[in-house]
Amino acid sequence: MSKKATEFQRKAMSRMYRGKEIFKPLNTGWIDENVACVREWVANIFFYRKGDTTIMIDAGYNYDRLAEKMNWLGIDPHSIRHILITHQDTDHVGAVEADSPGLFQNAKLYISAIENRYLTGEVRRRVIYRLYKLPQVTINNEKVLLHDGEVIDIDGIRIECFLVPGHTWGHMVYLVDGKYLFTGDTLWFGADGGYCFISALAEDNKLAVKSLALLEKKLKKRGLHPLFITGHTGWTDNLEFAFAHKDKLCSPFKKRVHDPSAPYDAYDESDDTEENAKSGFLKGVGR
């Protein structure tokens, strides 16, 4: 399923979203000394390095150049033993689906217990305002099922799990070592701040807005100001920018340009090169 879905997105969605400034991925490189990312067309997957351990956050598409780009970062795919999954969409799990090349077949996956119901077939993923039912995703890796508020430890790396349903029923975001919040598809950054993620792809838009407000409340109550690292639109360390429009939805059907600095065609990877990946840290937004 992942290869077919990957090819569909690369071809059809490239035409659908060209010029609408919806996707603004980071190029392959390092955000700081701990966090790196690989660009896979419009999506980013991330790596968190601490000591001798590197964990992966999301598994991207079934993407032919993943091992190559990981090599630019000095990361061996076979060294990855732990992968945090925010949600089960094929641009976030493609590299661990059953029909993938198997780069990470020995890695343990961490996913919310609610999200895992998609993988067991108990529920089916729906998009386009729940009118279109996606094929079931099949993953054979060992899984650890997580719950809202749970804290886990991986080789001294502290990971706190927040359930943020709406985009999918069991979408999870991860706060790593109290400093980095990997938000998957909960936040979308425009030029003027963060919005609730793309409306057409949510299971429940009202729930997504409610969940985002609750996440902000939890962070502020605890005095947390992490780096917000999104799956498709870069990162920021500005909490006010991240939640600036939390009650509004990003709509792919609006004619206005959300961010004039975004690429015209985010599926064009010509500027994602090994030389650039090694030329310094990746810039954030809203700074």
C-alpha atoms as a PDB file:
ATOM      1  CA  MET A   1       0.000   0.000   0.000  1.00  0.00           C
ATOM      2  CA  SER A   2       2.763   2.480   0.919  1.00  0.00           C
ATOM      3  CA  LYS A   3       4.506   2.399  -2.474  1.00  0.00           C
ATOM      4  CA  LYS A   4       1.246   2.978  -4.351  1.00  0.00           C
ATOM      5  CA  ALA A   5       0.184   5.742  -1.973  1.00  0.00           C
ATOM      6  CA  THR A   6       3.624   7.352  -2.155  1.00  0.00           C
ATOM      7  CA  GLU A   7       3.545   7.464  -5.941  1.00  0.00           C
ATOM      8  CA  PHE A   8       0.006   8.853  -5.935  1.00  0.00           C
ATOM      9  CA  GLN A   9       0.984  11.690  -3.610  1.00  0.00           C
ATOM     10  CA  ARG A  10       4.151  12.487  -5.546  1.00  0.00           C
ATOM     11  CA  LYS A  11       2.314  12.785  -8.861  1.00  0.00           C
ATOM     12  CA  ALA A  12      -1.274  13.825  -8.138  1.00  0.00           C
ATOM     13  CA  MET A  13      -0.754  16.003  -5.059  1.00  0.00           C
ATOM     14  CA  SER A  14       2.106  17.827  -6.715  1.00  0.00           C
ATOM     15  CA  ARG A  15      -0.353  19.107  -9.309  1.00  0.00           C
ATOM     16  CA  MET A  16      -3.142  19.657  -6.767  1.00  0.00           C
ATOM     17  CA  TYR A  17      -1.147  21.820  -4.361  1.00  0.00           C
ATOM     18  CA  ARG A  18       1.328  23.531  -6.696  1.00  0.00           C
ATOM     19  CA  GLY A  19       1.332  27.260  -6.072  1.00  0.00           C
ATOM     20  CA  LYS A  20      -0.912  27.073  -3.001  1.00  0.00           C
ATOM     21  CA  GLU A  21       1.963  27.313  -0.503  1.00  0.00           C
ATOM     22  CA  ILE A  22       0.526  24.510   1.631  1.00  0.00           C
ATOM     23  CA  PHE A  23       3.684  22.480   2.225  1.00  0.00           C
ATOM     24  CA  LYS A  24       6.939  24.108   3.332  1.00  0.00           C
ATOM     25  CA  PRO A  25       9.300  21.304   4.392  1.00  0.00           C
ATOM     26  CA  LEU A  26      12.771  21.770   5.778  1.00  0.00           C
ATOM     27  CA  ASN A  27      15.621  20.588   3.624  1.00  0.00           C
ATOM     28  CA  THR A  28      17.761  17.740   4.932  1.00  0.00           C
ATOM     29  CA  GLY A  29      20.092  18.894   7.708  1.00  0.00           C
ATOM     30  CA  TRP A  30      20.444  19.595  11.431  1.00  0.00           C
ATOM     31  CA  ILE A  31      18.201  21.928  13.448  1.00  0.00           C
ATOM     32  CA  ASP A  32      20.761  21.963  16.253  1.00  0.00           C
ATOM     33  CA  GLU A  33      23.344  19.578  17.672  1.00  0.00           C
ATOM     34  CA  ASN A  34      20.627  17.115  18.772  1.00  0.00           C
ATOM     35  CA  VAL A  35      17.934  17.134  16.080  1.00  0.00           C
ATOM     36  CA  ALA A  36      18.278  16.332  12.385  1.00  0.00           C
ATOM     37  CA  CYS A  37      15.752  15.903   9.617  1.00  0.00           C
ATOM     38  CA  VAL A  38      15.444  14.299   6.209  1.00  0.00           C
ATOM     39  CA  ARG A  39      13.280  15.858   3.538  1.00  0.00           C
ATOM     40  CA  GLU A  40      11.046  13.519   1.561  1.00  0.00           C
ATOM     41  CA  TRP A  41       9.305  15.749  -0.969  1.00  0.00           C
ATOM     42  CA  VAL A  42       6.741  17.643   1.161  1.00  0.00           C
ATOM     43  CA  ALA A  43       7.370  15.804   4.429  1.00  0.00           C
ATOM     44  CA  ASN A  44      10.095  15.718   7.070  1.00  0.00           C
ATOM     45  CA  ILE A  45      11.155  12.886   9.300  1.00  0.00           C
ATOM     46  CA  PHE A  46      13.323  13.617  12.324  1.00  0.00           C
ATOM     47  CA  PHE A  47      16.140  12.125  14.356  1.00  0.00           C
ATOM     48  CA  TYR A  48      17.038  12.881  17.965  1.00  0.00           C
ATOM     49  CA  ARG A  49      20.604  12.061  18.991  1.00  0.00           C
ATOM     50  CA  LYS A  50      21.803  11.771  22.581  1.00  0.00           C
ATOM     51  CA  GLY A  51      25.021   9.995  23.446  1.00  0.00           C
ATOM     52  CA  ASP A  52      25.205   6.735  21.516  1.00  0.00           C
ATOM     53  CA  THR A  53      21.468   6.586  20.837  1.00  0.00           C
ATOM     54  CA  THR A  54      19.544   8.036  17.892  1.00  0.00           C
ATOM     55  CA  ILE A  55      15.772   7.728  17.859  1.00  0.00           C
ATOM     56  CA  MET A  56      13.640   8.439  14.815  1.00  0.00           C
ATOM     57  CA  ILE A  57      10.396  10.414  14.834  1.00  0.00           C
ATOM     58  CA  ASP A  58       7.992   9.270  12.122  1.00  0.00           C
ATOM     59  CA  ALA A  59       8.979   7.117   9.160  1.00  0.00           C
ATOM     60  CA  GLY A  60       8.016   9.224   6.160  1.00  0.00           C
ATOM     61  CA  TYR A  61       7.117   7.881   2.758  1.00  0.00           C
ATOM     62  CA  ASN A  62       8.223   4.663   1.102  1.00  0.00           C
ATOM     63  CA  TYR A  63      11.030   6.813  -0.234  1.00  0.00           C
ATOM     64  CA  ASP A  64      13.894   5.559  -2.397  1.00  0.00           C
ATOM     65  CA  ARG A  65      16.451   8.141  -1.226  1.00  0.00           C
ATOM     66  CA  LEU A  66      16.013   7.806   2.529  1.00  0.00           C
ATOM     67  CA  ALA A  67      19.209   5.812   3.207  1.00  0.00           C
ATOM     68  CA  GLU A  68      21.174   8.187   0.968  1.00  0.00           C
ATOM     69  CA  LYS A  69      19.992  11.298   2.788  1.00  0.00           C
ATOM     70  CA  MET A  70      20.479   9.705   6.217  1.00  0.00           C
ATOM     71  CA  ASN A  71      24.069   9.080   5.154  1.00  0.00           C
ATOM     72  CA  TRP A  72      24.477  12.833   4.520  1.00  0.00           C
ATOM     73  CA  LEU A  73      23.729  13.244   8.234  1.00  0.00           C
ATOM     74  CA  GLY A  74      26.032  10.445   9.329  1.00  0.00           C
ATOM     75  CA  ILE A  75      23.136   8.261  10.489  1.00  0.00           C
ATOM     76  CA  ASP A  76      23.111   4.548   9.645  1.00  0.00           C
ATOM     77  CA  PRO A  77      19.539   3.304   9.056  1.00  0.00           C
ATOM     78  CA  HIS A  78      20.425  -0.026  10.668  1.00  0.00           C
ATOM     79  CA  SER A  79      21.384   1.779  13.892  1.00  0.00           C
ATOM     80  CA  ILE A  80      17.777   2.895  14.424  1.00  0.00           C
ATOM     81  CA  ARG A  81      16.124   0.728  17.067  1.00  0.00           C
ATOM     82  CA  HIS A  82      13.329   3.038  18.240  1.00  0.00           C
ATOM     83  CA  ILE A  83      10.802   4.997  16.142  1.00  0.00           C
ATOM     84  CA  LEU A  84       8.143   7.317  17.583  1.00  0.00           C
ATOM     85  CA  ILE A  85       5.045   7.448  15.366  1.00  0.00           C
ATOM     86  CA  THR A  86       2.793  10.502  15.600  1.00  0.00           C
ATOM     87  CA  HIS A  87       0.097   8.945  13.402  1.00  0.00           C
ATOM     88  CA  GLN A  88      -0.429   6.296  10.751  1.00  0.00           C
ATOM     89  CA  ASP A  89      -0.724   8.272   7.498  1.00  0.00           C
ATOM     90  CA  THR A  90       1.541   6.928   4.761  1.00  0.00           C
ATOM     91  CA  ASP A  91       3.736  10.046   4.697  1.00  0.00           C
ATOM     92  CA  HIS A  92       4.563   9.280   8.340  1.00  0.00           C
ATOM     93  CA  VAL A  93       4.848   5.466   8.335  1.00  0.00           C
ATOM     94  CA  GLY A  94       5.734   4.545   4.736  1.00  0.00           C
ATOM     95  CA  ALA A  95       9.254   3.336   5.540  1.00  0.00           C
ATOM     96  CA  VAL A  96       7.931   0.763   8.029  1.00  0.00           C
ATOM     97  CA  GLU A  97       4.910  -0.471   6.080  1.00  0.00           C
ATOM     98  CA  ALA A  98       4.978  -4.135   5.063  1.00  0.00           C
ATOM     99  CA  ASP A  99       5.793  -3.354   1.414  1.00  0.00           C
ATOM    100  CA  SER A 100       8.712  -1.022   2.227  1.00  0.00           C
ATOM    101  CA  PRO A 101      12.366  -2.028   1.613  1.00  0.00           C
ATOM    102  CA  GLY A 102      12.665  -2.965   5.303  1.00  0.00           C
ATOM    103  CA  LEU A 103      15.370  -0.515   6.379  1.00  0.00           C
ATOM    104  CA  PHE A 104      13.885  -0.442   9.868  1.00  0.00           C
ATOM    105  CA  GLN A 105      12.417  -3.935  10.183  1.00  0.00           C
ATOM    106  CA  ASN A 106      14.210  -4.487  13.504  1.00  0.00           C
ATOM    107  CA  ALA A 107      13.128  -1.190  15.027  1.00  0.00           C
ATOM    108  CA  LYS A 108      10.514  -1.005  17.759  1.00  0.00           C
ATOM    109  CA  LEU A 109       7.610   1.347  17.037  1.00  0.00           C
ATOM    110  CA  TYR A 110       5.946   3.542  19.649  1.00  0.00           C
ATOM    111  CA  ILE A 111       2.370   4.548  18.778  1.00  0.00           C
ATOM    112  CA  SER A 112      -0.734   5.546  20.697  1.00  0.00           C
ATOM    113  CA  ALA A 113      -3.087   2.694  21.600  1.00  0.00           C
ATOM    114  CA  ILE A 114      -5.947   4.593  19.953  1.00  0.00           C
ATOM    115  CA  GLU A 115      -3.975   5.136  16.726  1.00  0.00           C
ATOM    116  CA  ASN A 116      -3.110   1.437  16.639  1.00  0.00           C
ATOM    117  CA  ARG A 117      -6.781   0.679  16.015  1.00  0.00           C
ATOM    118  CA  TYR A 118      -6.235   1.842  12.430  1.00  0.00           C
ATOM    119  CA  LEU A 119      -3.492  -0.761  12.071  1.00  0.00           C
ATOM    120  CA  THR A 120      -5.648  -3.579  13.440  1.00  0.00           C
ATOM    121  CA  GLY A 121      -8.531  -2.648  11.144  1.00  0.00           C
ATOM    122  CA  GLU A 122     -10.899  -1.741  13.990  1.00  0.00           C
ATOM    123  CA  VAL A 123     -11.349   1.695  12.400  1.00  0.00           C
ATOM    124  CA  ARG A 124     -10.505   3.087   8.950  1.00  0.00           C
ATOM    125  CA  ARG A 125      -8.807   6.365   8.152  1.00  0.00           C
ATOM    126  CA  ARG A 126     -11.015   8.911   6.358  1.00  0.00           C
ATOM    127  CA  VAL A 127     -10.021  12.154   4.631  1.00  0.00           C
ATOM    128  CA  ILE A 128     -11.627  14.853   2.430  1.00  0.00           C
ATOM    129  CA  TYR A 129     -14.042  15.744   5.225  1.00  0.00           C
ATOM    130  CA  ARG A 130     -14.460  12.012   6.005  1.00  0.00           C
ATOM    131  CA  LEU A 131     -15.883  11.286   2.555  1.00  0.00           C
ATOM    132  CA  TYR A 132     -12.952   9.155   1.359  1.00  0.00           C
ATOM    133  CA  LYS A 133     -11.775   5.986   3.109  1.00  0.00           C
ATOM    134  CA  LEU A 134      -8.074   5.173   2.805  1.00  0.00           C
ATOM    135  CA  PRO A 135      -6.699   1.630   2.496  1.00  0.00           C
ATOM    136  CA  GLN A 136      -5.641  -0.049   5.709  1.00  0.00           C
ATOM    137  CA  VAL A 137      -1.982   0.303   6.665  1.00  0.00           C
ATOM    138  CA  THR A 138      -0.062  -2.897   7.456  1.00  0.00           C
ATOM    139  CA  ILE A 139       3.002  -2.804   9.719  1.00  0.00           C
ATOM    140  CA  ASN A 140       4.774  -5.883  11.096  1.00  0.00           C
ATOM    141  CA  ASN A 141       7.259  -4.237  13.493  1.00  0.00           C
ATOM    142  CA  GLU A 142       7.048  -4.816  17.222  1.00  0.00           C
ATOM    143  CA  LYS A 143       4.922  -2.069  18.782  1.00  0.00           C
ATOM    144  CA  VAL A 144       4.727  -0.357  22.143  1.00  0.00           C
ATOM    145  CA  LEU A 145       1.275   1.135  22.720  1.00  0.00           C
ATOM    146  CA  LEU A 146       1.196   4.505  24.455  1.00  0.00           C
ATOM    147  CA  HIS A 147      -1.378   6.524  26.376  1.00  0.00           C
ATOM    148  CA  ASP A 148      -1.962  10.219  26.981  1.00  0.00           C
ATOM    149  CA  GLY A 149       0.396  11.645  29.608  1.00  0.00           C
ATOM    150  CA  GLU A 150       2.623   8.577  29.656  1.00  0.00           C
ATOM    151  CA  VAL A 151       6.349   9.121  30.137  1.00  0.00           C
ATOM    152  CA  ILE A 152       8.836   6.628  28.751  1.00  0.00           C
ATOM    153  CA  ASP A 153      12.616   6.389  28.873  1.00  0.00           C
ATOM    154  CA  ILE A 154      14.795   5.198  25.998  1.00  0.00           C
ATOM    155  CA  ASP A 155      18.481   4.990  26.917  1.00  0.00           C
ATOM    156  CA  GLY A 156      18.201   8.049  29.144  1.00  0.00           C
ATOM    157  CA  ILE A 157      16.040  10.003  26.711  1.00  0.00           C
ATOM    158  CA  ARG A 158      12.852  11.202  28.418  1.00  0.00           C
ATOM    159  CA  ILE A 159       9.779  11.167  26.190  1.00  0.00           C
ATOM    160  CA  GLU A 160       6.416  12.532  27.295  1.00  0.00           C
ATOM    161  CA  CYS A 161       3.371  11.606  25.226  1.00  0.00           C
ATOM    162  CA  PHE A 162       0.446  13.953  24.578  1.00  0.00           C
ATOM    163  CA  LEU A 163      -2.663  12.705  22.806  1.00  0.00           C
ATOM    164  CA  VAL A 164      -3.866  15.392  20.358  1.00  0.00           C
ATOM    165  CA  PRO A 165      -6.783  13.857  18.422  1.00  0.00           C
ATOM    166  CA  GLY A 166      -8.480  15.467  15.452  1.00  0.00           C
ATOM    167  CA  HIS A 167      -6.246  14.968  12.436  1.00  0.00           C
ATOM    168  CA  THR A 168      -6.481  11.270  13.305  1.00  0.00           C
ATOM    169  CA  TRP A 169      -8.292   9.756  16.280  1.00  0.00           C
ATOM    170  CA  GLY A 170      -5.097   8.761  18.063  1.00  0.00           C
ATOM    171  CA  HIS A 171      -2.577  11.393  16.961  1.00  0.00           C
ATOM    172  CA  MET A 172       0.265  11.689  19.480  1.00  0.00           C
ATOM    173  CA  VAL A 173       2.869  14.420  19.895  1.00  0.00           C
ATOM    174  CA  TYR A 174       6.125  13.859  21.761  1.00  0.00           C
ATOM    175  CA  LEU A 175       8.032  16.120  24.136  1.00  0.00           C
ATOM    176  CA  VAL A 176      11.629  14.915  24.163  1.00  0.00           C
ATOM    177  CA  ASP A 177      13.894  15.784  27.097  1.00  0.00           C
ATOM    178  CA  GLY A 178      11.576  18.679  27.909  1.00  0.00           C
ATOM    179  CA  LYS A 179      12.946  20.739  25.020  1.00  0.00           C
ATOM    180  CA  TYR A 180      11.705  19.412  21.666  1.00  0.00           C
ATOM    181  CA  LEU A 181       8.036  18.942  20.771  1.00  0.00           C
ATOM    182  CA  PHE A 182       7.508  16.860  17.644  1.00  0.00           C
ATOM    183  CA  THR A 183       4.023  17.843  16.525  1.00  0.00           C
ATOM    184  CA  GLY A 184       3.406  15.676  13.429  1.00  0.00           C
ATOM    185  CA  ASP A 185       0.258  16.971  11.735  1.00  0.00           C
ATOM    186  CA  THR A 186      -1.303  19.027  14.511  1.00  0.00           C
ATOM    187  CA  LEU A 187       0.252  22.397  13.625  1.00  0.00           C
ATOM    188  CA  TRP A 188       0.672  24.141  10.283  1.00  0.00           C
ATOM    189  CA  PHE A 189       2.836  27.279  10.121  1.00  0.00           C
ATOM    190  CA  GLY A 190       1.841  30.158   7.884  1.00  0.00           C
ATOM    191  CA  ALA A 191       3.825  33.365   7.529  1.00  0.00           C
ATOM    192  CA  ASP A 192       1.781  34.903  10.358  1.00  0.00           C
ATOM    193  CA  GLY A 193       1.849  31.982  12.788  1.00  0.00           C
ATOM    194  CA  GLY A 194       0.501  28.537  13.520  1.00  0.00           C
ATOM    195  CA  TYR A 195      -2.876  27.191  12.450  1.00  0.00           C
ATOM    196  CA  CYS A 196      -4.686  23.955  13.073  1.00  0.00           C
ATOM    197  CA  PHE A 197      -3.535  21.489  10.417  1.00  0.00           C
ATOM    198  CA  ILE A 198      -5.082  21.064   6.955  1.00  0.00           C
ATOM    199  CA  SER A 199      -8.867  20.870   7.242  1.00  0.00           C
ATOM    200  CA  ALA A 200      -9.510  18.404   4.402  1.00  0.00           C
ATOM    201  CA  LEU A 201      -7.324  15.745   6.021  1.00  0.00           C
ATOM    202  CA  ALA A 202      -8.840  15.704   9.517  1.00  0.00           C
ATOM    203  CA  GLU A 203     -11.122  13.104  10.999  1.00  0.00           C
ATOM    204  CA  ASP A 204     -12.758  15.831  13.097  1.00  0.00           C
ATOM    205  CA  ASN A 205     -11.823  19.501  12.640  1.00  0.00           C
ATOM    206  CA  LYS A 206     -13.665  20.718  15.729  1.00  0.00           C
ATOM    207  CA  LEU A 207     -11.840  18.149  17.836  1.00  0.00           C
ATOM    208  CA  ALA A 208      -8.513  19.129  16.261  1.00  0.00           C
ATOM    209  CA  VAL A 209      -9.031  22.786  17.240  1.00  0.00           C
ATOM    210  CA  LYS A 210     -10.073  21.800  20.758  1.00  0.00           C
ATOM    211  CA  SER A 211      -7.057  19.499  21.141  1.00  0.00           C
ATOM    212  CA  LEU A 212      -4.631  22.190  19.991  1.00  0.00           C
ATOM    213  CA  ALA A 213      -5.995  24.669  22.537  1.00  0.00           C
ATOM    214  CA  LEU A 214      -5.654  22.066  25.268  1.00  0.00           C
ATOM    215  CA  LEU A 215      -2.058  21.356  24.275  1.00  0.00           C
ATOM    216  CA  GLU A 216      -1.193  25.051  24.520  1.00  0.00           C
ATOM    217  CA  LYS A 217      -2.849  25.220  27.935  1.00  0.00           C
ATOM    218  CA  LYS A 218      -0.838  22.257  29.219  1.00  0.00           C
ATOM    219  CA  LEU A 219       2.450  23.708  28.019  1.00  0.00           C
ATOM    220  CA  LYS A 220       1.801  27.162  29.457  1.00  0.00           C
ATOM    221  CA  LYS A 221       0.626  25.770  32.796  1.00  0.00           C
ATOM    222  CA  ARG A 222       3.939  23.981  33.186  1.00  0.00           C
ATOM    223  CA  GLY A 223       6.009  26.878  31.886  1.00  0.00           C
ATOM    224  CA  LEU A 224       7.284  24.853  28.930  1.00  0.00           C
ATOM    225  CA  HIS A 225       8.640  26.649  25.859  1.00  0.00           C
ATOM    226  CA  PRO A 226       9.929  23.874  23.593  1.00  0.00           C
ATOM    227  CA  LEU A 227      11.001  23.943  19.989  1.00  0.00           C
ATOM    228  CA  PHE A 228       7.876  23.166  17.954  1.00  0.00           C
ATOM    229  CA  ILE A 229       8.939  20.844  15.153  1.00  0.00           C
ATOM    230  CA  THR A 230       6.262  20.150  12.531  1.00  0.00           C
ATOM    231  CA  GLY A 231       5.970  17.435   9.925  1.00  0.00           C
ATOM    232  CA  HIS A 232       5.582  19.735   6.910  1.00  0.00           C
ATOM    233  CA  THR A 233       6.225  23.411   7.724  1.00  0.00           C
ATOM    234  CA  GLY A 234       9.484  23.713   9.645  1.00  0.00           C
ATOM    235  CA  TRP A 235      10.097  24.649  13.267  1.00  0.00           C
ATOM    236  CA  THR A 236       9.897  27.554  15.699  1.00  0.00           C
ATOM    237  CA  ASP A 237      10.965  28.299  19.267  1.00  0.00           C
ATOM    238  CA  ASN A 238       8.289  31.006  19.580  1.00  0.00           C
ATOM    239  CA  LEU A 239       5.288  29.673  21.522  1.00  0.00           C
ATOM    240  CA  GLU A 240       3.077  32.652  20.715  1.00  0.00           C
ATOM    241  CA  PHE A 241       3.824  32.270  17.005  1.00  0.00           C
ATOM    242  CA  ALA A 242       3.137  28.515  17.158  1.00  0.00           C
ATOM    243  CA  PHE A 243      -0.386  28.988  18.539  1.00  0.00           C
ATOM    244  CA  ALA A 244      -1.189  32.358  16.955  1.00  0.00           C
ATOM    245  CA  HIS A 245      -4.217  31.028  15.015  1.00  0.00           C
ATOM    246  CA  LYS A 246      -4.944  27.813  16.883  1.00  0.00           C
ATOM    247  CA  ASP A 247      -8.701  28.311  16.438  1.00  0.00           C
ATOM    248  CA  LYS A 248      -8.394  28.542  12.635  1.00  0.00           C
ATOM    249  CA  LEU A 249      -7.897  25.786  10.066  1.00  0.00           C
ATOM    250  CA  CYS A 250      -5.414  25.716   7.238  1.00  0.00           C
ATOM    251  CA  SER A 251      -7.493  25.190   4.096  1.00  0.00           C
ATOM    252  CA  PRO A 252      -5.932  23.828   0.881  1.00  0.00           C
ATOM    253  CA  PHE A 253      -8.780  25.317  -1.142  1.00  0.00           C
ATOM    254  CA  LYS A 254      -8.185  28.973  -0.279  1.00  0.00           C
ATOM    255  CA  LYS A 255      -6.899  31.076  -3.146  1.00  0.00           C
ATOM    256  CA  ARG A 256      -4.837  33.461  -1.064  1.00  0.00           C
ATOM    257  CA  VAL A 257      -1.161  32.708  -0.624  1.00  0.00           C
ATOM    258  CA  HIS A 258      -0.434  31.796   2.999  1.00  0.00           C
ATOM    259  CA  ASP A 259       3.315  32.346   2.826  1.00  0.00           C
ATOM    260  CA  PRO A 260       4.945  34.084  -0.158  1.00  0.00           C
ATOM    261  CA  SER A 261       8.371  32.722   0.872  1.00  0.00           C
ATOM    262  CA  ALA A 262       7.256  29.092   0.574  1.00  0.00           C
ATOM    263  CA  PRO A 263       8.339  27.042  -2.457  1.00  0.00           C
ATOM    264  CA  TYR A 264       6.092  27.134  -5.491  1.00  0.00           C
ATOM    265  CA  ASP A 265       6.331  23.364  -5.829  1.00  0.00           C
ATOM    266  CA  ALA A 266       7.397  21.639  -2.616  1.00  0.00           C
ATOM    267  CA  TYR A 267       7.817  18.377  -4.521  1.00  0.00           C
ATOM    268  CA  ASP A 268      10.831  19.874  -6.305  1.00  0.00           C
ATOM    269  CA  GLU A 269      13.858  18.704  -4.285  1.00  0.00           C
ATOM    270  CA  SER A 270      16.553  20.282  -6.446  1.00  0.00           C
ATOM    271  CA  ASP A 271      17.806  22.445  -3.551  1.00  0.00           C
ATOM    272  CA  ASP A 272      17.960  19.524  -1.109  1.00  0.00           C
ATOM    273  CA  THR A 273      21.604  18.550  -1.514  1.00  0.00           C
ATOM    274  CA  GLU A 274      24.354  16.931   0.533  1.00  0.00           C
ATOM    275  CA  GLU A 275      26.357  20.145   0.401  1.00  0.00           C
ATOM    276  CA  ASN A 276      23.475  22.161   1.854  1.00  0.00           C
ATOM    277  CA  ALA A 277      22.801  19.487   4.464  1.00  0.00           C
ATOM    278  CA  LYS A 278      26.306  20.008   5.830  1.00  0.00           C
ATOM    279  CA  SER A 279      26.428  23.812   5.593  1.00  0.00           C
ATOM    280  CA  GLY A 280      24.953  24.823   8.968  1.00  0.00           C
ATOM    281  CA  PHE A 281      21.851  24.629  11.103  1.00  0.00           C
ATOM    282  CA  LEU A 282      18.386  24.933   9.554  1.00  0.00           C
ATOM    283  CA  LYS A 283      16.605  28.209  10.265  1.00  0.00           C
ATOM    284  CA  GLY A 284      13.328  28.356  12.161  1.00  0.00           C
ATOM    285  CA  VAL A 285      10.289  30.546  11.484  1.00  0.00           C
ATOM    286  CA  GLY A 286       8.564  33.230  13.548  1.00  0.00           C
ATOM    287  CA  ARG A 287      11.785  34.324  15.220  1.00  0.00           C
END
